[in-house]
Amino acid sequence: MNKKVPKVAILCRVSTEEQDTSRQVSELKALCHEKGWNVVAVVENQESGMKRSLAGLETVKELARKGKIQKVVVSEISRIARRLSVVSKFVEEMEDLKVSIFWQNQGLETLQENGERNGVANIFLAAFAEIARNEREMTVKRIRSGLASAREKGKVLGRPKGSVQLIEDFLSKHKGIVRRVQDGLSFRDISKLEKCSFSTIKKVKAILKVTDSRRI
């Protein structure tokens, strides 16, 4: 008896620096073709630092509720949304609807073929949640320490009210760029790998220079 071909929705997150998802979609379509999955929808979730929209996630949920998809494919679990709470809730809702989420970079999915939850994937998600929480706490501590040190040295840091939170949010939003800068990559390489503008890289480097953050 032939195995039923799963119907799949590809989910991409579009941020301020990454408006073009064509390469990401192309890679995920190739993955689905290789696995014999039928792509029935490509959904983009618009999200930026100042504006957040969950319309894309709601579209995927509606497809799942109507039984039009059996899997959601993403390049990595963090591409579902910026906020961990949103990611966790979405994963749970999909599991309740018996829709599995497959993320490319780990080659894992949330449900097994029999519909049961994948223990390995759940462990990974728990670890992801803990890492994200720890990174956030360490980022806050380092930035506040760096800003305090900069003030003691008489450096001008710009807007006094809310500046710490603004910087925390900015660096958290661009963690990938922070890592590339700290690894010593060139502007061109960072821009290519993170799909961001040179101006954003310059802002990150300037903040890191002032706050002396070691790792995010």
Foldseek 3Di string as FASTA:
>chain_A
DDDDAFEEEEEFEAEPLRNDCVVVVVVVVVVCVVVRHHYPYYFYFYDYLVDGDLVRLVVVLVCLVVVVGQEYEYQALCRNDVDLVVSVVSCVSCLVSLHWYAHNVVRDIQADPVSHGDPVVVVVSVVVVVVLVVVLVLLLVLQVQLQVVLVVVVDDDPDPPCSSVVVSSLCSRPQVLLVCVLVPDDLVVSCVVVSGDSVSSVVSVVSCVRSVDNHD
